[in-house]
Amino acid sequence: MFQSKPILSQDIWRSDRDILASTSRRDVALHYERARSIFRHSGLSQQDIENLTPKFWDFQFDCKSGRSERIPVAY
Protein backbone atom coordinates (compact mmCIF):
# COMPACT_ATOMS: atom_id res chain seq x y z
CA MET A 1 0.00 0.00 0.00
CA PHE A 2 1.22 3.52 -0.83
CA GLN A 3 2.23 5.48 2.25
CA SER A 4 2.26 9.25 1.91
CA LYS A 5 4.12 9.95 5.15
CA PRO A 6 7.66 9.89 3.64
CA ILE A 7 6.89 12.74 1.22
CA LEU A 8 5.32 15.04 3.82
CA SER A 9 8.70 16.44 4.84
CA GLN A 10 9.19 17.96 1.38
CA ASP A 11 8.90 21.76 1.24
CA ILE A 12 6.17 21.58 -1.40
CA TRP A 13 3.76 20.10 1.17
CA ARG A 14 3.91 22.94 3.71
CA SER A 15 0.35 24.05 4.38
CA ASP A 16 1.31 27.73 4.30
CA ARG A 17 1.88 27.30 0.56
CA ASP A 18 -1.77 26.40 -0.02
CA ILE A 19 -4.14 29.01 -1.36
CA LEU A 20 -7.69 27.91 -2.08
CA ALA A 21 -9.11 28.36 -5.56
CA SER A 22 -6.00 30.00 -6.87
CA THR A 23 -5.09 29.74 -10.52
CA SER A 24 -1.92 31.80 -10.54
CA ARG A 25 1.03 30.37 -12.46
CA ARG A 26 2.86 29.86 -9.17
CA ASP A 27 0.02 27.83 -7.67
CA VAL A 28 -0.51 25.75 -10.80
CA ALA A 29 3.22 25.00 -10.81
CA LEU A 30 2.99 23.95 -7.14
CA HIS A 31 0.18 21.49 -7.92
CA TYR A 32 2.19 19.97 -10.77
CA GLU A 33 5.24 19.70 -8.51
CA ARG A 34 3.13 17.93 -5.88
CA ALA A 35 1.64 15.56 -8.47
CA ARG A 36 5.14 14.72 -9.69
CA SER A 37 6.27 14.04 -6.11
CA ILE A 38 3.31 11.77 -5.43
CA PHE A 39 3.78 9.84 -8.67
CA ARG A 40 7.51 9.32 -8.08
CA HIS A 41 6.92 7.96 -4.59
CA SER A 42 3.78 5.94 -5.36
CA GLY A 43 5.38 3.37 -7.61
CA LEU A 44 2.32 3.44 -9.87
CA SER A 45 2.75 2.45 -13.47
CA GLN A 46 0.71 3.61 -16.43
CA GLN A 47 -0.85 0.13 -16.48
CA ASP A 48 -1.91 0.51 -12.82
CA ILE A 49 -3.76 3.70 -13.74
CA GLU A 50 -5.26 2.41 -16.99
CA ASN A 51 -6.42 -0.89 -15.45
CA LEU A 52 -7.49 0.51 -12.05
CA THR A 53 -5.41 -2.09 -10.23
CA PRO A 54 -5.52 -2.62 -6.45
CA LYS A 55 -2.27 -0.64 -6.27
CA PHE A 56 -4.05 2.29 -7.95
CA TRP A 57 -6.94 2.13 -5.47
CA ASP A 58 -4.57 1.92 -2.49
CA PHE A 59 -3.06 5.14 -3.76
CA GLN A 60 -6.44 6.78 -4.37
CA PHE A 61 -7.62 6.13 -0.83
CA ASP A 62 -4.43 7.29 0.85
CA CYS A 63 -5.31 10.51 2.67
CA LYS A 64 -2.48 12.51 1.06
CA SER A 65 -3.53 11.80 -2.50
CA GLY A 66 -6.74 13.74 -1.99
CA ARG A 67 -5.14 16.89 -0.63
CA SER A 68 -3.95 18.56 -3.78
CA GLU A 69 -4.04 16.19 -6.69
CA ARG A 70 -5.91 13.14 -7.70
CA ILE A 71 -5.39 11.00 -10.72
CA PRO A 72 -8.59 11.46 -12.70
CA VAL A 73 -10.55 8.35 -13.51
CA ALA A 74 -12.72 8.37 -16.63
CA TYR A 75 -15.72 6.09 -16.33
PDB file of N, CA and C in Angstrom:
ATOM      1  N   MET A   1       0.835  -1.176   0.000  1.00  0.00           N
ATOM      2  CA  MET A   1       0.000   0.000   0.000  1.00  0.00           C
ATOM      3  C   MET A   1       0.883   1.245   0.000  1.00  0.00           C
ATOM      4  N   PHE A   2       0.496   2.254  -0.768  1.00  0.00           N
ATOM      5  CA  PHE A   2       1.219   3.516  -0.827  1.00  0.00           C
ATOM      6  C   PHE A   2       1.101   4.232   0.511  1.00  0.00           C
ATOM      7  N   GLN A   3       2.216   4.711   1.003  1.00  0.00           N
ATOM      8  CA  GLN A   3       2.233   5.476   2.251  1.00  0.00           C
ATOM      9  C   GLN A   3       2.725   6.884   1.948  1.00  0.00           C
ATOM     10  N   SER A   4       1.905   7.878   2.240  1.00  0.00           N
ATOM     11  CA  SER A   4       2.263   9.254   1.912  1.00  0.00           C
ATOM     12  C   SER A   4       3.198   9.894   2.918  1.00  0.00           C
ATOM     13  N   LYS A   5       3.336   9.320   4.094  1.00  0.00           N
ATOM     14  CA  LYS A   5       4.119   9.950   5.152  1.00  0.00           C
ATOM     15  C   LYS A   5       5.541  10.347   4.740  1.00  0.00           C
ATOM     16  N   PRO A   6       6.287   9.515   3.997  1.00  0.00           N
ATOM     17  CA  PRO A   6       7.659   9.894   3.635  1.00  0.00           C
ATOM     18  C   PRO A   6       7.774  11.186   2.821  1.00  0.00           C
ATOM     19  N   ILE A   7       6.770  11.541   2.047  1.00  0.00           N
ATOM     20  CA  ILE A   7       6.893  12.744   1.222  1.00  0.00           C
ATOM     21  C   ILE A   7       6.457  14.007   1.952  1.00  0.00           C
ATOM     22  N   LEU A   8       5.849  13.869   3.115  1.00  0.00           N
ATOM     23  CA  LEU A   8       5.324  15.041   3.816  1.00  0.00           C
ATOM     24  C   LEU A   8       6.397  16.004   4.299  1.00  0.00           C
ATOM     25  N   SER A   9       7.622  15.560   4.390  1.00  0.00           N
ATOM     26  CA  SER A   9       8.697  16.444   4.841  1.00  0.00           C
ATOM     27  C   SER A   9       9.201  17.354   3.718  1.00  0.00           C
ATOM     28  N   GLN A  10       8.766  17.120   2.495  1.00  0.00           N
ATOM     29  CA  GLN A  10       9.189  17.963   1.379  1.00  0.00           C
ATOM     30  C   GLN A  10       8.569  19.355   1.505  1.00  0.00           C
ATOM     31  N   ASP A  11       9.329  20.364   1.143  1.00  0.00           N
ATOM     32  CA  ASP A  11       8.898  21.760   1.240  1.00  0.00           C
ATOM     33  C   ASP A  11       7.587  22.020   0.496  1.00  0.00           C
ATOM     34  N   ILE A  12       7.368  21.331  -0.596  1.00  0.00           N
ATOM     35  CA  ILE A  12       6.165  21.582  -1.404  1.00  0.00           C
ATOM     36  C   ILE A  12       4.878  21.234  -0.676  1.00  0.00           C
ATOM     37  N   TRP A  13       4.954  20.504   0.438  1.00  0.00           N
ATOM     38  CA  TRP A  13       3.756  20.095   1.166  1.00  0.00           C
ATOM     39  C   TRP A  13       3.451  20.979   2.370  1.00  0.00           C
ATOM     40  N   ARG A  14       4.214  22.045   2.590  1.00  0.00           N
ATOM     41  CA  ARG A  14       3.913  22.941   3.711  1.00  0.00           C
ATOM     42  C   ARG A  14       2.539  23.560   3.495  1.00  0.00           C
ATOM     43  N   SER A  15       1.713  23.547   4.522  1.00  0.00           N
ATOM     44  CA  SER A  15       0.348  24.053   4.380  1.00  0.00           C
ATOM     45  C   SER A  15       0.300  25.553   4.135  1.00  0.00           C
ATOM     46  N   ASP A  16       1.328  26.289   4.538  1.00  0.00           N
ATOM     47  CA  ASP A  16       1.312  27.733   4.295  1.00  0.00           C
ATOM     48  C   ASP A  16       1.489  28.073   2.815  1.00  0.00           C
ATOM     49  N   ARG A  17       1.761  27.082   2.002  1.00  0.00           N
ATOM     50  CA  ARG A  17       1.876  27.305   0.556  1.00  0.00           C
ATOM     51  C   ARG A  17       0.542  27.115  -0.151  1.00  0.00           C
ATOM     52  N   ASP A  18      -0.461  26.652   0.579  1.00  0.00           N
ATOM     53  CA  ASP A  18      -1.771  26.403  -0.018  1.00  0.00           C
ATOM     54  C   ASP A  18      -2.605  27.678  -0.062  1.00  0.00           C
ATOM     55  N   ILE A  19      -3.194  27.914  -1.205  1.00  0.00           N
ATOM     56  CA  ILE A  19      -4.142  29.011  -1.358  1.00  0.00           C
ATOM     57  C   ILE A  19      -5.344  28.409  -2.081  1.00  0.00           C
ATOM     58  N   LEU A  20      -6.499  28.513  -1.480  1.00  0.00           N
ATOM     59  CA  LEU A  20      -7.691  27.910  -2.075  1.00  0.00           C
ATOM     60  C   LEU A  20      -8.115  28.631  -3.349  1.00  0.00           C
ATOM     61  N   ALA A  21      -8.554  27.861  -4.296  1.00  0.00           N
ATOM     62  CA  ALA A  21      -9.114  28.355  -5.558  1.00  0.00           C
ATOM     63  C   ALA A  21      -8.197  29.328  -6.284  1.00  0.00           C
ATOM     64  N   SER A  22      -6.932  29.119  -6.192  1.00  0.00           N
ATOM     65  CA  SER A  22      -5.998  30.001  -6.874  1.00  0.00           C
ATOM     66  C   SER A  22      -5.590  29.392  -8.203  1.00  0.00           C
ATOM     67  N   THR A  23      -5.512  30.226  -9.210  1.00  0.00           N
ATOM     68  CA  THR A  23      -5.086  29.742 -10.519  1.00  0.00           C
ATOM     69  C   THR A  23      -3.873  30.508 -11.029  1.00  0.00           C
ATOM     70  N   SER A  24      -3.122  31.089 -10.111  1.00  0.00           N
ATOM     71  CA  SER A  24      -1.917  31.796 -10.542  1.00  0.00           C
ATOM     72  C   SER A  24      -0.916  30.785 -11.089  1.00  0.00           C
ATOM     73  N   ARG A  25       0.001  31.252 -11.899  1.00  0.00           N
ATOM     74  CA  ARG A  25       1.030  30.369 -12.460  1.00  0.00           C
ATOM     75  C   ARG A  25       1.808  29.674 -11.348  1.00  0.00           C
ATOM     76  N   ARG A  26       2.100  30.417 -10.277  1.00  0.00           N
ATOM     77  CA  ARG A  26       2.863  29.855  -9.166  1.00  0.00           C
ATOM     78  C   ARG A  26       2.105  28.697  -8.520  1.00  0.00           C
ATOM     79  N   ASP A  27       0.809  28.873  -8.315  1.00  0.00           N
ATOM     80  CA  ASP A  27       0.023  27.826  -7.667  1.00  0.00           C
ATOM     81  C   ASP A  27      -0.193  26.625  -8.575  1.00  0.00           C
ATOM     82  N   VAL A  28      -0.386  26.865  -9.852  1.00  0.00           N
ATOM     83  CA  VAL A  28      -0.514  25.752 -10.799  1.00  0.00           C
ATOM     84  C   VAL A  28       0.790  24.960 -10.819  1.00  0.00           C
ATOM     85  N   ALA A  29       1.914  25.668 -10.822  1.00  0.00           N
ATOM     86  CA  ALA A  29       3.219  24.995 -10.805  1.00  0.00           C
ATOM     87  C   ALA A  29       3.383  24.170  -9.535  1.00  0.00           C
ATOM     88  N   LEU A  30       2.912  24.686  -8.403  1.00  0.00           N
ATOM     89  CA  LEU A  30       2.990  23.949  -7.138  1.00  0.00           C
ATOM     90  C   LEU A  30       2.190  22.649  -7.220  1.00  0.00           C
ATOM     91  N   HIS A  31       1.000  22.699  -7.803  1.00  0.00           N
ATOM     92  CA  HIS A  31       0.181  21.489  -7.923  1.00  0.00           C
ATOM     93  C   HIS A  31       0.853  20.451  -8.823  1.00  0.00           C
ATOM     94  N   TYR A  32       1.456  20.903  -9.913  1.00  0.00           N
ATOM     95  CA  TYR A  32       2.188  19.970 -10.770  1.00  0.00           C
ATOM     96  C   TYR A  32       3.384  19.376 -10.043  1.00  0.00           C
ATOM     97  N   GLU A  33       4.085  20.186  -9.271  1.00  0.00           N
ATOM     98  CA  GLU A  33       5.236  19.698  -8.512  1.00  0.00           C
ATOM     99  C   GLU A  33       4.792  18.653  -7.486  1.00  0.00           C
ATOM    100  N   ARG A  34       3.664  18.897  -6.840  1.00  0.00           N
ATOM    101  CA  ARG A  34       3.129  17.929  -5.879  1.00  0.00           C
ATOM    102  C   ARG A  34       2.710  16.639  -6.578  1.00  0.00           C
ATOM    103  N   ALA A  35       2.056  16.757  -7.727  1.00  0.00           N
ATOM    104  CA  ALA A  35       1.640  15.562  -8.472  1.00  0.00           C
ATOM    105  C   ALA A  35       2.855  14.734  -8.874  1.00  0.00           C
ATOM    106  N   ARG A  36       3.902  15.406  -9.323  1.00  0.00           N
ATOM    107  CA  ARG A  36       5.144  14.723  -9.689  1.00  0.00           C
ATOM    108  C   ARG A  36       5.723  13.985  -8.487  1.00  0.00           C
ATOM    109  N   SER A  37       5.738  14.644  -7.335  1.00  0.00           N
ATOM    110  CA  SER A  37       6.269  14.044  -6.111  1.00  0.00           C
ATOM    111  C   SER A  37       5.479  12.797  -5.726  1.00  0.00           C
ATOM    112  N   ILE A  38       4.167  12.905  -5.779  1.00  0.00           N
ATOM    113  CA  ILE A  38       3.311  11.768  -5.433  1.00  0.00           C
ATOM    114  C   ILE A  38       3.574  10.609  -6.391  1.00  0.00           C
ATOM    115  N   PHE A  39       3.599  10.901  -7.687  1.00  0.00           N
ATOM    116  CA  PHE A  39       3.782   9.838  -8.669  1.00  0.00           C
ATOM    117  C   PHE A  39       5.125   9.141  -8.484  1.00  0.00           C
ATOM    118  N   ARG A  40       6.173   9.909  -8.260  1.00  0.00           N
ATOM    119  CA  ARG A  40       7.509   9.317  -8.080  1.00  0.00           C
ATOM    120  C   ARG A  40       7.569   8.400  -6.866  1.00  0.00           C
ATOM    121  N   HIS A  41       6.860   8.747  -5.820  1.00  0.00           N
ATOM    122  CA  HIS A  41       6.916   7.957  -4.592  1.00  0.00           C
ATOM    123  C   HIS A  41       5.863   6.852  -4.539  1.00  0.00           C
ATOM    124  N   SER A  42       4.868   6.916  -5.415  1.00  0.00           N
ATOM    125  CA  SER A  42       3.777   5.940  -5.358  1.00  0.00           C
ATOM    126  C   SER A  42       4.152   4.595  -5.958  1.00  0.00           C
ATOM    127  N   GLY A  43       5.043   4.605  -6.936  1.00  0.00           N
ATOM    128  CA  GLY A  43       5.385   3.369  -7.615  1.00  0.00           C
ATOM    129  C   GLY A  43       4.316   2.918  -8.596  1.00  0.00           C
ATOM    130  N   LEU A  44       3.368   3.786  -8.911  1.00  0.00           N
ATOM    131  CA  LEU A  44       2.322   3.440  -9.868  1.00  0.00           C
ATOM    132  C   LEU A  44       2.892   3.407 -11.279  1.00  0.00           C
ATOM    133  N   SER A  45       2.376   2.496 -12.059  1.00  0.00           N
ATOM    134  CA  SER A  45       2.745   2.446 -13.470  1.00  0.00           C
ATOM    135  C   SER A  45       1.557   2.949 -14.289  1.00  0.00           C
ATOM    136  N   GLN A  46       1.802   3.202 -15.553  1.00  0.00           N
ATOM    137  CA  GLN A  46       0.713   3.608 -16.432  1.00  0.00           C
ATOM    138  C   GLN A  46      -0.352   2.507 -16.477  1.00  0.00           C
ATOM    139  N   GLN A  47       0.088   1.255 -16.455  1.00  0.00           N
ATOM    140  CA  GLN A  47      -0.850   0.134 -16.481  1.00  0.00           C
ATOM    141  C   GLN A  47      -1.715   0.106 -15.216  1.00  0.00           C
ATOM    142  N   ASP A  48      -1.122   0.454 -14.057  1.00  0.00           N
ATOM    143  CA  ASP A  48      -1.914   0.514 -12.823  1.00  0.00           C
ATOM    144  C   ASP A  48      -3.055   1.510 -12.969  1.00  0.00           C
ATOM    145  N   ILE A  49      -2.751   2.652 -13.571  1.00  0.00           N
ATOM    146  CA  ILE A  49      -3.756   3.701 -13.735  1.00  0.00           C
ATOM    147  C   ILE A  49      -4.790   3.297 -14.775  1.00  0.00           C
ATOM    148  N   GLU A  50      -4.337   2.797 -15.915  1.00  0.00           N
ATOM    149  CA  GLU A  50      -5.259   2.411 -16.988  1.00  0.00           C
ATOM    150  C   GLU A  50      -6.173   1.265 -16.581  1.00  0.00           C
ATOM    151  N   ASN A  51      -5.652   0.309 -15.801  1.00  0.00           N
ATOM    152  CA  ASN A  51      -6.416  -0.888 -15.449  1.00  0.00           C
ATOM    153  C   ASN A  51      -7.052  -0.829 -14.066  1.00  0.00           C
ATOM    154  N   LEU A  52      -6.903   0.320 -13.391  1.00  0.00           N
ATOM    155  CA  LEU A  52      -7.487   0.507 -12.053  1.00  0.00           C
ATOM    156  C   LEU A  52      -7.153  -0.667 -11.132  1.00  0.00           C
ATOM    157  N   THR A  53      -5.872  -0.964 -11.037  1.00  0.00           N
ATOM    158  CA  THR A  53      -5.409  -2.094 -10.231  1.00  0.00           C
ATOM    159  C   THR A  53      -5.573  -1.812  -8.736  1.00  0.00           C
ATOM    160  N   PRO A  54      -5.475  -2.842  -7.899  1.00  0.00           N
ATOM    161  CA  PRO A  54      -5.523  -2.621  -6.450  1.00  0.00           C
ATOM    162  C   PRO A  54      -4.471  -1.612  -5.980  1.00  0.00           C
ATOM    163  N   LYS A  55      -3.312  -1.617  -6.626  1.00  0.00           N
ATOM    164  CA  LYS A  55      -2.271  -0.645  -6.268  1.00  0.00           C
ATOM    165  C   LYS A  55      -2.767   0.792  -6.528  1.00  0.00           C
ATOM    166  N   PHE A  56      -3.471   0.990  -7.630  1.00  0.00           N
ATOM    167  CA  PHE A  56      -4.052   2.291  -7.945  1.00  0.00           C
ATOM    168  C   PHE A  56      -5.046   2.707  -6.868  1.00  0.00           C
ATOM    169  N   TRP A  57      -5.926   1.788  -6.466  1.00  0.00           N
ATOM    170  CA  TRP A  57      -6.943   2.131  -5.467  1.00  0.00           C
ATOM    171  C   TRP A  57      -6.332   2.362  -4.092  1.00  0.00           C
ATOM    172  N   ASP A  58      -5.279   1.638  -3.745  1.00  0.00           N
ATOM    173  CA  ASP A  58      -4.571   1.922  -2.487  1.00  0.00           C
ATOM    174  C   ASP A  58      -4.073   3.358  -2.494  1.00  0.00           C
ATOM    175  N   PHE A  59      -3.532   3.769  -3.625  1.00  0.00           N
ATOM    176  CA  PHE A  59      -3.055   5.141  -3.757  1.00  0.00           C
ATOM    177  C   PHE A  59      -4.212   6.130  -3.657  1.00  0.00           C
ATOM    178  N   GLN A  60      -5.298   5.868  -4.363  1.00  0.00           N
ATOM    179  CA  GLN A  60      -6.444   6.784  -4.369  1.00  0.00           C
ATOM    180  C   GLN A  60      -7.006   7.029  -2.973  1.00  0.00           C
ATOM    181  N   PHE A  61      -7.009   5.997  -2.151  1.00  0.00           N
ATOM    182  CA  PHE A  61      -7.623   6.132  -0.834  1.00  0.00           C
ATOM    183  C   PHE A  61      -6.647   6.548   0.254  1.00  0.00           C
ATOM    184  N   ASP A  62      -5.386   6.742  -0.105  1.00  0.00           N
ATOM    185  CA  ASP A  62      -4.429   7.286   0.851  1.00  0.00           C
ATOM    186  C   ASP A  62      -4.820   8.746   1.094  1.00  0.00           C
ATOM    187  N   CYS A  63      -4.813   9.168   2.330  1.00  0.00           N
ATOM    188  CA  CYS A  63      -5.306  10.509   2.666  1.00  0.00           C
ATOM    189  C   CYS A  63      -4.526  11.624   1.980  1.00  0.00           C
ATOM    190  N   LYS A  64      -3.268  11.450   1.690  1.00  0.00           N
ATOM    191  CA  LYS A  64      -2.478  12.512   1.059  1.00  0.00           C
ATOM    192  C   LYS A  64      -2.854  12.697  -0.401  1.00  0.00           C
ATOM    193  N   SER A  65      -3.250  11.664  -1.078  1.00  0.00           N
ATOM    194  CA  SER A  65      -3.529  11.801  -2.498  1.00  0.00           C
ATOM    195  C   SER A  65      -4.723  12.707  -2.759  1.00  0.00           C
ATOM    196  N   GLY A  66      -5.578  12.884  -1.808  1.00  0.00           N
ATOM    197  CA  GLY A  66      -6.737  13.744  -1.992  1.00  0.00           C
ATOM    198  C   GLY A  66      -6.502  15.188  -1.644  1.00  0.00           C
ATOM    199  N   ARG A  67      -5.364  15.521  -1.097  1.00  0.00           N
ATOM    200  CA  ARG A  67      -5.136  16.885  -0.631  1.00  0.00           C
ATOM    201  C   ARG A  67      -5.019  17.881  -1.774  1.00  0.00           C
ATOM    202  N   SER A  68      -4.225  17.578  -2.749  1.00  0.00           N
ATOM    203  CA  SER A  68      -3.954  18.564  -3.782  1.00  0.00           C
ATOM    204  C   SER A  68      -4.215  18.018  -5.176  1.00  0.00           C
ATOM    205  N   GLU A  69      -3.904  16.790  -5.379  1.00  0.00           N
ATOM    206  CA  GLU A  69      -4.038  16.193  -6.689  1.00  0.00           C
ATOM    207  C   GLU A  69      -4.721  14.841  -6.565  1.00  0.00           C
ATOM    208  N   ARG A  70      -5.321  14.454  -7.615  1.00  0.00           N
ATOM    209  CA  ARG A  70      -5.908  13.139  -7.696  1.00  0.00           C
ATOM    210  C   ARG A  70      -5.807  12.719  -9.153  1.00  0.00           C
ATOM    211  N   ILE A  71      -5.453  11.494  -9.351  1.00  0.00           N
ATOM    212  CA  ILE A  71      -5.391  11.004 -10.720  1.00  0.00           C
ATOM    213  C   ILE A  71      -6.826  10.842 -11.197  1.00  0.00           C
ATOM    214  N   PRO A  72      -7.207  11.554 -12.240  1.00  0.00           N
ATOM    215  CA  PRO A  72      -8.592  11.465 -12.696  1.00  0.00           C
ATOM    216  C   PRO A  72      -8.907  10.091 -13.273  1.00  0.00           C
ATOM    217  N   VAL A  73     -10.095   9.639 -13.001  1.00  0.00           N
ATOM    218  CA  VAL A  73     -10.552   8.354 -13.509  1.00  0.00           C
ATOM    219  C   VAL A  73     -11.730   8.621 -14.431  1.00  0.00           C
ATOM    220  N   ALA A  74     -11.623   8.199 -15.679  1.00  0.00           N
ATOM    221  CA  ALA A  74     -12.719   8.366 -16.629  1.00  0.00           C
ATOM    222  C   ALA A  74     -13.562   7.098 -16.615  1.00  0.00           C
ATOM    223  N   TYR A  75     -14.819   7.247 -16.353  1.00  0.00           N
ATOM    224  CA  TYR A  75     -15.722   6.095 -16.330  1.00  0.00           C
ATOM    225  C   TYR A  75     -16.502   6.013 -17.606  1.00  0.00           C
TER     226      TYR A  75
END
